[in-house]
Amino acid sequence: MVFAVVLFFVGLAYAGSTRFQDTSIHSRDFSKPAVDYFLCRHCGTDISPVQSLISIDSPAALQSQTYQLFGLNDVQVQTVKNTLNFQFQIIILKKTLCVGKGNWQSEDSWYPGYVWKVCVCAQCGRHIGWMFEPLHLATNDRIYPSQEGFYAVIISSIINEFYADSLIVIPKHFSTIEIIAD
């Protein structure tokens, strides 16, 4: 009986060690481009993939120009002004994790035929921009726009992840690998 128990444990130990020997290690495919995200400049929460950037002209824009921003060419930046005479530089995004707050407003819309509401970071509640929805689709319970809606995001409220990562300095004691001999 004792021999059977010892043989059982030896078999388990042997089976466990062969699992590690038979494991093949596959390297990750680094040829795929990484996805860049817009982050809330205040708390760092993901707001939107950079690929959701679109262009929609506002007839109320004081200025509209294209720039090289966020590692992309031809990013449309519009300067708009609210009723309090505050100016904002905005970009247009199709999708974000920005949450709409308050009621839809139809007056003073920068986009005719669309209503708007303030949009805040889902994590920290910081004002990120505005969401716009076609008038006929706007309902009070909607906190995200429909497929026909979009977001106007204030450039100074966001930062892109690749740039934020480039600001992080690796401490010297992590930048070298020491091999410790047994």
N, C-alpha and C. Protein backbone atom coordinates (compact mmCIF):
# COMPACT_ATOMS: atom_id res chain seq x y z
N MET A 1 0.82 -1.18 0.00
CA MET A 1 0.00 0.00 0.00
C MET A 1 0.87 1.26 0.00
N VAL A 2 1.91 1.27 0.85
CA VAL A 2 2.81 2.41 0.92
C VAL A 2 3.50 2.58 -0.43
N PHE A 3 3.87 1.47 -1.04
CA PHE A 3 4.53 1.52 -2.34
C PHE A 3 3.61 2.16 -3.39
N ALA A 4 2.32 1.86 -3.35
CA ALA A 4 1.35 2.41 -4.30
C ALA A 4 1.21 3.92 -4.12
N VAL A 5 1.19 4.37 -2.87
CA VAL A 5 1.07 5.82 -2.59
C VAL A 5 2.32 6.53 -3.08
N VAL A 6 3.51 5.99 -2.80
CA VAL A 6 4.76 6.60 -3.25
C VAL A 6 4.80 6.63 -4.78
N LEU A 7 4.43 5.54 -5.40
CA LEU A 7 4.41 5.48 -6.86
C LEU A 7 3.44 6.51 -7.45
N PHE A 8 2.30 6.72 -6.77
CA PHE A 8 1.31 7.71 -7.21
C PHE A 8 1.91 9.12 -7.17
N PHE A 9 2.57 9.50 -6.07
CA PHE A 9 3.15 10.84 -5.95
C PHE A 9 4.33 11.04 -6.90
N VAL A 10 5.11 10.00 -7.12
CA VAL A 10 6.21 10.10 -8.08
C VAL A 10 5.64 10.31 -9.48
N GLY A 11 4.59 9.64 -9.80
CA GLY A 11 3.93 9.81 -11.10
C GLY A 11 3.39 11.23 -11.27
N LEU A 12 2.79 11.78 -10.21
CA LEU A 12 2.30 13.16 -10.27
C LEU A 12 3.45 14.14 -10.47
N ALA A 13 4.52 13.96 -9.75
CA ALA A 13 5.67 14.87 -9.87
C ALA A 13 6.26 14.78 -11.27
N TYR A 14 6.37 13.59 -11.82
CA TYR A 14 6.92 13.41 -13.15
C TYR A 14 5.99 14.04 -14.19
N ALA A 15 4.69 13.83 -14.04
CA ALA A 15 3.73 14.39 -15.00
C ALA A 15 3.77 15.91 -14.94
N GLY A 16 3.90 16.49 -13.75
CA GLY A 16 3.98 17.95 -13.62
C GLY A 16 5.22 18.51 -14.28
N SER A 17 6.35 17.80 -14.18
CA SER A 17 7.58 18.33 -14.76
C SER A 17 7.58 18.21 -16.28
N THR A 18 6.92 17.20 -16.83
CA THR A 18 6.91 17.08 -18.28
C THR A 18 6.03 18.15 -18.92
N ARG A 19 5.07 18.63 -18.18
CA ARG A 19 4.22 19.69 -18.71
C ARG A 19 5.06 20.92 -19.05
N PHE A 20 6.00 21.26 -18.20
CA PHE A 20 6.85 22.43 -18.45
C PHE A 20 7.81 22.16 -19.60
N GLN A 21 8.30 20.91 -19.72
CA GLN A 21 9.22 20.59 -20.79
C GLN A 21 8.53 20.58 -22.14
N ASP A 22 7.25 20.20 -22.17
CA ASP A 22 6.53 20.11 -23.43
C ASP A 22 5.91 21.43 -23.86
N THR A 23 5.91 22.41 -22.99
CA THR A 23 5.28 23.69 -23.31
C THR A 23 6.11 24.44 -24.33
N SER A 24 5.48 24.84 -25.41
CA SER A 24 6.20 25.64 -26.39
C SER A 24 5.85 27.11 -26.16
N ILE A 25 6.83 27.95 -26.26
CA ILE A 25 6.65 29.36 -26.03
C ILE A 25 6.59 30.05 -27.38
N HIS A 26 5.51 30.79 -27.62
CA HIS A 26 5.32 31.49 -28.87
C HIS A 26 5.50 32.98 -28.64
N SER A 27 6.29 33.60 -29.49
CA SER A 27 6.47 35.04 -29.34
C SER A 27 5.25 35.76 -29.90
N ARG A 28 4.96 36.94 -29.34
CA ARG A 28 3.85 37.75 -29.83
C ARG A 28 4.17 38.29 -31.21
N ASP A 29 3.12 38.54 -31.95
CA ASP A 29 3.28 39.12 -33.28
C ASP A 29 3.34 40.63 -33.13
N PHE A 30 4.54 41.20 -33.24
CA PHE A 30 4.73 42.63 -33.07
C PHE A 30 4.60 43.38 -34.40
N SER A 31 4.23 42.70 -35.48
CA SER A 31 4.10 43.36 -36.76
C SER A 31 2.78 44.12 -36.87
N LYS A 32 1.80 43.81 -36.01
CA LYS A 32 0.53 44.51 -36.03
C LYS A 32 0.70 45.88 -35.38
N PRO A 33 0.16 46.91 -36.01
CA PRO A 33 0.28 48.24 -35.40
C PRO A 33 -0.56 48.33 -34.13
N ALA A 34 -0.03 49.01 -33.13
CA ALA A 34 -0.76 49.19 -31.89
C ALA A 34 -1.85 50.24 -32.09
N VAL A 35 -2.91 50.14 -31.32
CA VAL A 35 -4.02 51.09 -31.41
C VAL A 35 -3.79 52.20 -30.41
N ASP A 36 -3.83 53.43 -30.89
CA ASP A 36 -3.67 54.60 -30.03
C ASP A 36 -5.05 55.04 -29.54
N TYR A 37 -5.12 55.55 -28.33
CA TYR A 37 -6.36 56.00 -27.72
C TYR A 37 -6.25 57.44 -27.28
N PHE A 38 -7.39 58.12 -27.28
CA PHE A 38 -7.48 59.41 -26.61
C PHE A 38 -7.78 59.11 -25.16
N LEU A 39 -7.11 59.82 -24.26
CA LEU A 39 -7.30 59.66 -22.83
C LEU A 39 -7.82 60.97 -22.24
N CYS A 40 -8.54 60.87 -21.14
CA CYS A 40 -8.92 62.06 -20.39
C CYS A 40 -7.64 62.66 -19.84
N ARG A 41 -7.40 63.92 -20.13
CA ARG A 41 -6.17 64.58 -19.68
C ARG A 41 -6.13 64.68 -18.14
N HIS A 42 -7.29 64.65 -17.50
CA HIS A 42 -7.32 64.79 -16.04
C HIS A 42 -7.02 63.47 -15.32
N CYS A 43 -7.68 62.37 -15.74
CA CYS A 43 -7.53 61.12 -14.98
C CYS A 43 -6.88 59.99 -15.77
N GLY A 44 -6.71 60.14 -17.09
CA GLY A 44 -6.05 59.11 -17.90
C GLY A 44 -6.95 57.99 -18.38
N THR A 45 -8.24 58.08 -18.16
CA THR A 45 -9.17 57.05 -18.62
C THR A 45 -9.28 57.06 -20.13
N ASP A 46 -9.39 55.88 -20.75
CA ASP A 46 -9.61 55.79 -22.19
C ASP A 46 -10.90 56.52 -22.55
N ILE A 47 -10.82 57.38 -23.55
CA ILE A 47 -12.00 58.10 -24.03
C ILE A 47 -12.47 57.51 -25.36
N SER A 48 -11.51 57.27 -26.27
CA SER A 48 -11.89 56.80 -27.60
C SER A 48 -10.66 56.34 -28.36
N PRO A 49 -10.80 55.35 -29.25
CA PRO A 49 -9.68 55.04 -30.14
C PRO A 49 -9.47 56.22 -31.11
N VAL A 50 -8.23 56.50 -31.44
CA VAL A 50 -7.92 57.60 -32.35
C VAL A 50 -8.59 57.37 -33.71
N GLN A 51 -8.83 56.11 -34.08
CA GLN A 51 -9.45 55.79 -35.37
C GLN A 51 -10.89 56.27 -35.47
N SER A 52 -11.51 56.68 -34.36
CA SER A 52 -12.90 57.16 -34.44
C SER A 52 -12.97 58.63 -34.83
N LEU A 53 -11.83 59.24 -35.13
CA LEU A 53 -11.77 60.63 -35.56
C LEU A 53 -12.43 60.79 -36.92
N ILE A 54 -13.35 61.75 -37.04
CA ILE A 54 -14.03 62.03 -38.30
C ILE A 54 -14.03 63.55 -38.53
N SER A 55 -14.49 63.98 -39.68
CA SER A 55 -14.59 65.41 -39.99
C SER A 55 -16.03 65.75 -40.32
N ILE A 56 -16.60 66.69 -39.58
CA ILE A 56 -17.92 67.24 -39.87
C ILE A 56 -17.79 68.75 -39.71
N ASP A 57 -18.02 69.47 -40.79
CA ASP A 57 -17.89 70.92 -40.77
C ASP A 57 -19.04 71.57 -40.02
N SER A 58 -18.69 72.54 -39.17
CA SER A 58 -19.69 73.34 -38.49
C SER A 58 -19.77 74.70 -39.17
N PRO A 59 -20.97 75.10 -39.61
CA PRO A 59 -21.09 76.44 -40.19
C PRO A 59 -20.87 77.54 -39.15
N ALA A 60 -20.93 77.20 -37.87
CA ALA A 60 -20.72 78.18 -36.81
C ALA A 60 -19.26 78.30 -36.39
N ALA A 61 -18.38 77.50 -36.99
CA ALA A 61 -16.96 77.54 -36.61
C ALA A 61 -16.34 78.88 -36.97
N LEU A 62 -15.58 79.43 -36.05
CA LEU A 62 -14.86 80.67 -36.32
C LEU A 62 -13.68 80.40 -37.25
N GLN A 63 -13.15 79.19 -37.11
CA GLN A 63 -11.99 78.80 -37.91
C GLN A 63 -11.99 77.28 -38.04
N SER A 64 -11.54 76.78 -39.17
CA SER A 64 -11.40 75.34 -39.39
C SER A 64 -10.12 75.12 -40.17
N GLN A 65 -9.21 74.36 -39.57
CA GLN A 65 -7.94 74.07 -40.22
C GLN A 65 -7.58 72.62 -40.02
N THR A 66 -6.69 72.13 -40.86
CA THR A 66 -6.19 70.77 -40.68
C THR A 66 -4.75 70.85 -40.19
N TYR A 67 -4.44 69.97 -39.26
CA TYR A 67 -3.12 69.92 -38.64
C TYR A 67 -2.62 68.49 -38.63
N GLN A 68 -1.32 68.36 -38.37
CA GLN A 68 -0.76 67.05 -38.10
C GLN A 68 -0.78 66.90 -36.58
N LEU A 69 -1.70 66.08 -36.09
CA LEU A 69 -1.88 65.86 -34.65
C LEU A 69 -2.02 64.38 -34.36
N PHE A 70 -1.65 63.99 -33.16
CA PHE A 70 -1.86 62.63 -32.69
C PHE A 70 -1.24 61.59 -33.61
N GLY A 71 -0.19 61.95 -34.31
CA GLY A 71 0.47 61.05 -35.23
C GLY A 71 -0.28 60.85 -36.54
N LEU A 72 -1.27 61.68 -36.79
CA LEU A 72 -2.08 61.59 -38.01
C LEU A 72 -1.93 62.86 -38.83
N ASN A 73 -2.08 62.73 -40.13
CA ASN A 73 -2.09 63.90 -41.01
C ASN A 73 -3.53 64.35 -41.21
N ASP A 74 -3.71 65.61 -41.51
CA ASP A 74 -5.01 66.16 -41.89
C ASP A 74 -6.10 65.98 -40.84
N VAL A 75 -5.80 66.31 -39.60
CA VAL A 75 -6.81 66.28 -38.54
C VAL A 75 -7.53 67.63 -38.55
N GLN A 76 -8.83 67.60 -38.74
CA GLN A 76 -9.61 68.83 -38.78
C GLN A 76 -9.83 69.35 -37.35
N VAL A 77 -9.39 70.58 -37.12
CA VAL A 77 -9.58 71.26 -35.83
C VAL A 77 -10.43 72.49 -36.10
N GLN A 78 -11.54 72.59 -35.38
CA GLN A 78 -12.43 73.74 -35.53
C GLN A 78 -12.42 74.56 -34.26
N THR A 79 -12.47 75.87 -34.41
CA THR A 79 -12.59 76.77 -33.28
C THR A 79 -14.03 77.24 -33.22
N VAL A 80 -14.67 76.98 -32.09
CA VAL A 80 -16.06 77.37 -31.90
C VAL A 80 -16.17 78.24 -30.66
N LYS A 81 -17.28 78.98 -30.57
CA LYS A 81 -17.49 79.89 -29.44
C LYS A 81 -18.88 79.65 -28.87
N ASN A 82 -18.98 79.61 -27.53
CA ASN A 82 -20.29 79.44 -26.91
C ASN A 82 -20.92 80.81 -26.62
N THR A 83 -22.09 80.81 -26.03
CA THR A 83 -22.81 82.06 -25.77
C THR A 83 -22.13 82.94 -24.72
N LEU A 84 -21.22 82.38 -23.95
CA LEU A 84 -20.46 83.16 -22.96
C LEU A 84 -19.15 83.69 -23.55
N ASN A 85 -18.98 83.53 -24.85
CA ASN A 85 -17.80 83.97 -25.60
C ASN A 85 -16.53 83.19 -25.26
N PHE A 86 -16.68 81.99 -24.71
CA PHE A 86 -15.52 81.11 -24.52
C PHE A 86 -15.26 80.39 -25.83
N GLN A 87 -14.01 80.35 -26.25
CA GLN A 87 -13.65 79.65 -27.47
C GLN A 87 -13.04 78.29 -27.14
N PHE A 88 -13.33 77.33 -27.98
CA PHE A 88 -12.84 75.96 -27.81
C PHE A 88 -12.31 75.47 -29.15
N GLN A 89 -11.19 74.76 -29.11
CA GLN A 89 -10.71 74.04 -30.28
C GLN A 89 -11.20 72.61 -30.12
N ILE A 90 -11.94 72.15 -31.13
CA ILE A 90 -12.57 70.83 -31.03
C ILE A 90 -12.18 69.94 -32.19
N ILE A 91 -12.25 68.64 -31.94
CA ILE A 91 -12.18 67.61 -32.98
C ILE A 91 -13.48 66.83 -32.90
N ILE A 92 -13.83 66.13 -33.96
CA ILE A 92 -15.07 65.37 -34.00
C ILE A 92 -14.75 63.88 -33.95
N LEU A 93 -15.43 63.18 -33.04
CA LEU A 93 -15.26 61.74 -32.88
C LEU A 93 -16.60 61.04 -33.09
N LYS A 94 -16.56 59.88 -33.70
CA LYS A 94 -17.78 59.10 -33.91
C LYS A 94 -18.20 58.37 -32.64
N LYS A 95 -17.24 57.86 -31.90
CA LYS A 95 -17.55 57.09 -30.68
C LYS A 95 -16.61 57.51 -29.57
N THR A 96 -17.13 57.58 -28.36
CA THR A 96 -16.30 57.81 -27.17
C THR A 96 -16.96 57.12 -25.98
N LEU A 97 -16.26 57.13 -24.87
CA LEU A 97 -16.83 56.68 -23.61
C LEU A 97 -17.24 57.87 -22.76
N CYS A 98 -17.35 59.00 -23.39
CA CYS A 98 -17.80 60.24 -22.76
C CYS A 98 -19.31 60.12 -22.54
N VAL A 99 -19.80 60.53 -21.38
CA VAL A 99 -21.21 60.34 -21.02
C VAL A 99 -21.94 61.68 -21.06
N GLY A 100 -23.09 61.69 -21.74
CA GLY A 100 -23.91 62.91 -21.83
C GLY A 100 -24.60 63.22 -20.51
N LYS A 101 -24.63 64.50 -20.16
CA LYS A 101 -25.27 64.95 -18.91
C LYS A 101 -26.29 66.04 -19.22
N GLY A 102 -27.36 66.06 -18.49
CA GLY A 102 -28.36 67.11 -18.64
C GLY A 102 -29.34 66.82 -19.76
N ASN A 103 -30.09 67.85 -20.12
CA ASN A 103 -31.10 67.74 -21.16
C ASN A 103 -30.53 68.19 -22.50
N TRP A 104 -31.16 67.72 -23.56
CA TRP A 104 -30.77 68.16 -24.90
C TRP A 104 -31.10 69.63 -25.07
N GLN A 105 -30.19 70.34 -25.71
CA GLN A 105 -30.36 71.76 -25.97
C GLN A 105 -30.44 71.98 -27.48
N SER A 106 -31.41 72.72 -27.92
CA SER A 106 -31.53 72.97 -29.36
C SER A 106 -31.01 74.36 -29.73
N GLU A 107 -31.03 75.28 -28.79
CA GLU A 107 -30.54 76.62 -29.09
C GLU A 107 -29.02 76.66 -29.07
N ASP A 108 -28.47 77.52 -29.89
CA ASP A 108 -27.02 77.75 -29.98
C ASP A 108 -26.24 76.50 -30.38
N SER A 109 -26.82 75.65 -31.19
CA SER A 109 -26.11 74.46 -31.66
C SER A 109 -25.14 74.86 -32.77
N TRP A 110 -23.94 74.35 -32.71
CA TRP A 110 -22.95 74.62 -33.75
C TRP A 110 -23.24 73.82 -35.02
N TYR A 111 -24.14 72.85 -34.92
CA TYR A 111 -24.48 72.00 -36.05
C TYR A 111 -26.00 72.06 -36.27
N PRO A 112 -26.45 72.79 -37.29
CA PRO A 112 -27.89 72.91 -37.55
C PRO A 112 -28.55 71.54 -37.73
N GLY A 113 -29.74 71.39 -37.14
CA GLY A 113 -30.47 70.12 -37.21
C GLY A 113 -30.09 69.15 -36.11
N TYR A 114 -29.11 69.52 -35.30
CA TYR A 114 -28.65 68.67 -34.19
C TYR A 114 -28.88 69.38 -32.86
N VAL A 115 -29.23 68.60 -31.86
CA VAL A 115 -29.29 69.09 -30.49
C VAL A 115 -28.03 68.61 -29.77
N TRP A 116 -27.72 69.21 -28.65
CA TRP A 116 -26.47 68.89 -27.97
C TRP A 116 -26.69 68.79 -26.46
N LYS A 117 -25.76 68.13 -25.81
CA LYS A 117 -25.67 68.12 -24.35
C LYS A 117 -24.21 67.98 -23.97
N VAL A 118 -23.89 68.42 -22.78
CA VAL A 118 -22.52 68.35 -22.27
C VAL A 118 -22.12 66.89 -22.13
N CYS A 119 -20.86 66.62 -22.38
CA CYS A 119 -20.33 65.27 -22.30
C CYS A 119 -19.16 65.27 -21.31
N VAL A 120 -19.17 64.33 -20.37
CA VAL A 120 -18.14 64.28 -19.32
C VAL A 120 -17.43 62.93 -19.32
N CYS A 121 -16.23 62.91 -18.77
CA CYS A 121 -15.48 61.67 -18.61
C CYS A 121 -16.26 60.72 -17.71
N ALA A 122 -16.40 59.48 -18.14
CA ALA A 122 -17.15 58.49 -17.37
C ALA A 122 -16.49 58.18 -16.03
N GLN A 123 -15.18 58.39 -15.91
CA GLN A 123 -14.46 58.07 -14.68
C GLN A 123 -14.45 59.24 -13.70
N CYS A 124 -14.01 60.41 -14.15
CA CYS A 124 -13.80 61.53 -13.20
C CYS A 124 -14.85 62.63 -13.31
N GLY A 125 -15.70 62.58 -14.33
CA GLY A 125 -16.76 63.57 -14.47
C GLY A 125 -16.31 64.91 -15.03
N ARG A 126 -15.08 64.98 -15.52
CA ARG A 126 -14.54 66.22 -16.09
C ARG A 126 -15.16 66.50 -17.45
N HIS A 127 -15.46 67.76 -17.74
CA HIS A 127 -16.05 68.15 -19.03
C HIS A 127 -15.06 67.86 -20.14
N ILE A 128 -15.47 67.01 -21.09
CA ILE A 128 -14.63 66.61 -22.22
C ILE A 128 -15.07 67.31 -23.49
N GLY A 129 -16.36 67.55 -23.63
CA GLY A 129 -16.89 68.17 -24.83
C GLY A 129 -18.40 68.11 -24.84
N TRP A 130 -18.96 67.85 -26.03
CA TRP A 130 -20.40 67.80 -26.21
C TRP A 130 -20.75 66.64 -27.12
N MET A 131 -21.94 66.10 -26.93
CA MET A 131 -22.44 65.10 -27.86
C MET A 131 -23.58 65.73 -28.65
N PHE A 132 -23.67 65.38 -29.93
CA PHE A 132 -24.68 65.92 -30.82
C PHE A 132 -25.52 64.79 -31.37
N GLU A 133 -26.81 65.06 -31.46
CA GLU A 133 -27.78 64.05 -31.91
C GLU A 133 -28.77 64.74 -32.85
N PRO A 134 -29.14 64.09 -33.96
CA PRO A 134 -30.18 64.68 -34.80
C PRO A 134 -31.44 64.93 -33.96
N LEU A 135 -32.07 66.04 -34.19
CA LEU A 135 -33.23 66.46 -33.40
C LEU A 135 -34.29 65.38 -33.30
N HIS A 136 -34.59 64.71 -34.41
CA HIS A 136 -35.67 63.71 -34.42
C HIS A 136 -35.32 62.42 -33.65
N LEU A 137 -34.05 62.23 -33.28
CA LEU A 137 -33.65 61.01 -32.55
C LEU A 137 -33.35 61.26 -31.07
N ALA A 138 -33.36 62.50 -30.67
CA ALA A 138 -32.97 62.83 -29.29
C ALA A 138 -34.08 62.48 -28.31
N THR A 139 -33.72 61.65 -27.33
CA THR A 139 -34.64 61.33 -26.22
C THR A 139 -33.91 61.64 -24.92
N ASN A 140 -34.67 61.99 -23.89
CA ASN A 140 -34.06 62.41 -22.63
C ASN A 140 -33.27 61.32 -21.94
N ASP A 141 -33.58 60.07 -22.18
CA ASP A 141 -32.86 58.98 -21.52
C ASP A 141 -31.56 58.60 -22.23
N ARG A 142 -31.28 59.18 -23.36
CA ARG A 142 -30.10 58.83 -24.15
C ARG A 142 -28.86 59.51 -23.56
N ILE A 143 -27.88 58.68 -23.13
CA ILE A 143 -26.61 59.24 -22.62
C ILE A 143 -25.48 59.09 -23.63
N TYR A 144 -25.74 58.38 -24.74
CA TYR A 144 -24.79 58.26 -25.85
C TYR A 144 -25.56 58.57 -27.13
N PRO A 145 -24.92 59.17 -28.13
CA PRO A 145 -25.64 59.44 -29.37
C PRO A 145 -25.90 58.16 -30.18
N SER A 146 -26.86 58.25 -31.08
CA SER A 146 -27.18 57.14 -31.97
C SER A 146 -26.09 57.04 -33.05
N GLN A 147 -26.30 56.15 -34.01
CA GLN A 147 -25.36 56.01 -35.12
C GLN A 147 -25.23 57.29 -35.94
N GLU A 148 -26.24 58.12 -35.91
CA GLU A 148 -26.21 59.37 -36.66
C GLU A 148 -25.63 60.53 -35.86
N GLY A 149 -25.37 60.31 -34.59
CA GLY A 149 -24.81 61.35 -33.74
C GLY A 149 -23.29 61.32 -33.73
N PHE A 150 -22.70 62.26 -33.00
CA PHE A 150 -21.25 62.35 -32.90
C PHE A 150 -20.87 63.18 -31.68
N TYR A 151 -19.57 63.28 -31.45
CA TYR A 151 -19.04 64.02 -30.31
C TYR A 151 -18.12 65.13 -30.79
N ALA A 152 -18.21 66.29 -30.17
CA ALA A 152 -17.25 67.38 -30.37
C ALA A 152 -16.43 67.42 -29.09
N VAL A 153 -15.14 67.07 -29.19
CA VAL A 153 -14.28 66.93 -28.02
C VAL A 153 -13.27 68.08 -27.99
N ILE A 154 -13.12 68.68 -26.83
CA ILE A 154 -12.18 69.79 -26.64
C ILE A 154 -10.76 69.22 -26.63
N ILE A 155 -9.92 69.72 -27.51
CA ILE A 155 -8.55 69.19 -27.63
C ILE A 155 -7.79 69.31 -26.31
N SER A 156 -7.96 70.39 -25.58
CA SER A 156 -7.20 70.56 -24.34
C SER A 156 -7.69 69.65 -23.21
N SER A 157 -8.78 68.92 -23.41
CA SER A 157 -9.30 67.99 -22.41
C SER A 157 -8.81 66.57 -22.59
N ILE A 158 -8.10 66.32 -23.70
CA ILE A 158 -7.64 64.96 -23.99
C ILE A 158 -6.15 64.95 -24.30
N ILE A 159 -5.60 63.77 -24.27
CA ILE A 159 -4.21 63.53 -24.67
C ILE A 159 -4.19 62.15 -25.31
N ASN A 160 -3.33 61.94 -26.30
CA ASN A 160 -3.32 60.60 -26.87
C ASN A 160 -2.34 59.71 -26.10
N GLU A 161 -2.66 58.44 -26.07
CA GLU A 161 -1.94 57.48 -25.24
C GLU A 161 -0.47 57.34 -25.64
N PHE A 162 -0.18 57.31 -26.95
CA PHE A 162 1.22 57.18 -27.38
C PHE A 162 2.06 58.33 -26.85
N TYR A 163 1.51 59.54 -26.91
CA TYR A 163 2.25 60.69 -26.41
C TYR A 163 2.41 60.61 -24.89
N ALA A 164 1.35 60.25 -24.19
CA ALA A 164 1.42 60.12 -22.73
C ALA A 164 2.46 59.08 -22.33
N ASP A 165 2.50 57.97 -23.06
CA ASP A 165 3.49 56.93 -22.77
C ASP A 165 4.92 57.42 -23.01
N SER A 166 5.09 58.31 -23.98
CA SER A 166 6.43 58.82 -24.27
C SER A 166 6.94 59.74 -23.16
N LEU A 167 6.05 60.23 -22.31
CA LEU A 167 6.44 61.12 -21.22
C LEU A 167 6.94 60.35 -20.00
N ILE A 168 6.67 59.06 -19.96
CA ILE A 168 7.05 58.25 -18.82
C ILE A 168 8.52 57.88 -18.94
N VAL A 169 9.28 58.19 -17.91
CA VAL A 169 10.71 57.90 -17.89
C VAL A 169 10.91 56.63 -17.07
N ILE A 170 11.67 55.70 -17.61
CA ILE A 170 11.95 54.45 -16.91
C ILE A 170 13.12 54.69 -15.97
N PRO A 171 12.96 54.41 -14.67
CA PRO A 171 14.07 54.59 -13.74
C PRO A 171 15.28 53.76 -14.15
N LYS A 172 16.49 54.27 -13.86
CA LYS A 172 17.72 53.58 -14.28
C LYS A 172 17.80 52.16 -13.77
N HIS A 173 17.34 51.90 -12.55
CA HIS A 173 17.46 50.55 -12.02
C HIS A 173 16.54 49.57 -12.73
N PHE A 174 15.58 50.03 -13.55
CA PHE A 174 14.75 49.13 -14.35
C PHE A 174 15.23 49.06 -15.79
N SER A 175 16.16 49.92 -16.19
CA SER A 175 16.55 49.96 -17.58
C SER A 175 17.64 48.97 -17.93
N THR A 176 18.28 48.36 -16.96
CA THR A 176 19.29 47.35 -17.24
C THR A 176 18.88 46.04 -16.57
N ILE A 177 19.24 44.96 -17.20
CA ILE A 177 18.94 43.66 -16.65
C ILE A 177 20.23 43.06 -16.12
N GLU A 178 20.21 42.69 -14.87
CA GLU A 178 21.39 42.07 -14.28
C GLU A 178 21.16 40.57 -14.25
N ILE A 179 22.16 39.85 -14.66
CA ILE A 179 22.09 38.40 -14.62
C ILE A 179 22.75 37.95 -13.33
N ILE A 180 21.98 37.24 -12.54
CA ILE A 180 22.50 36.77 -11.26
C ILE A 180 22.85 35.30 -11.43
N ALA A 181 24.10 35.00 -11.17
CA ALA A 181 24.57 33.61 -11.30
C ALA A 181 24.18 32.83 -10.06
N ASP A 182 23.80 31.59 -10.28
CA ASP A 182 23.45 30.73 -9.14
C ASP A 182 24.66 30.18 -8.48
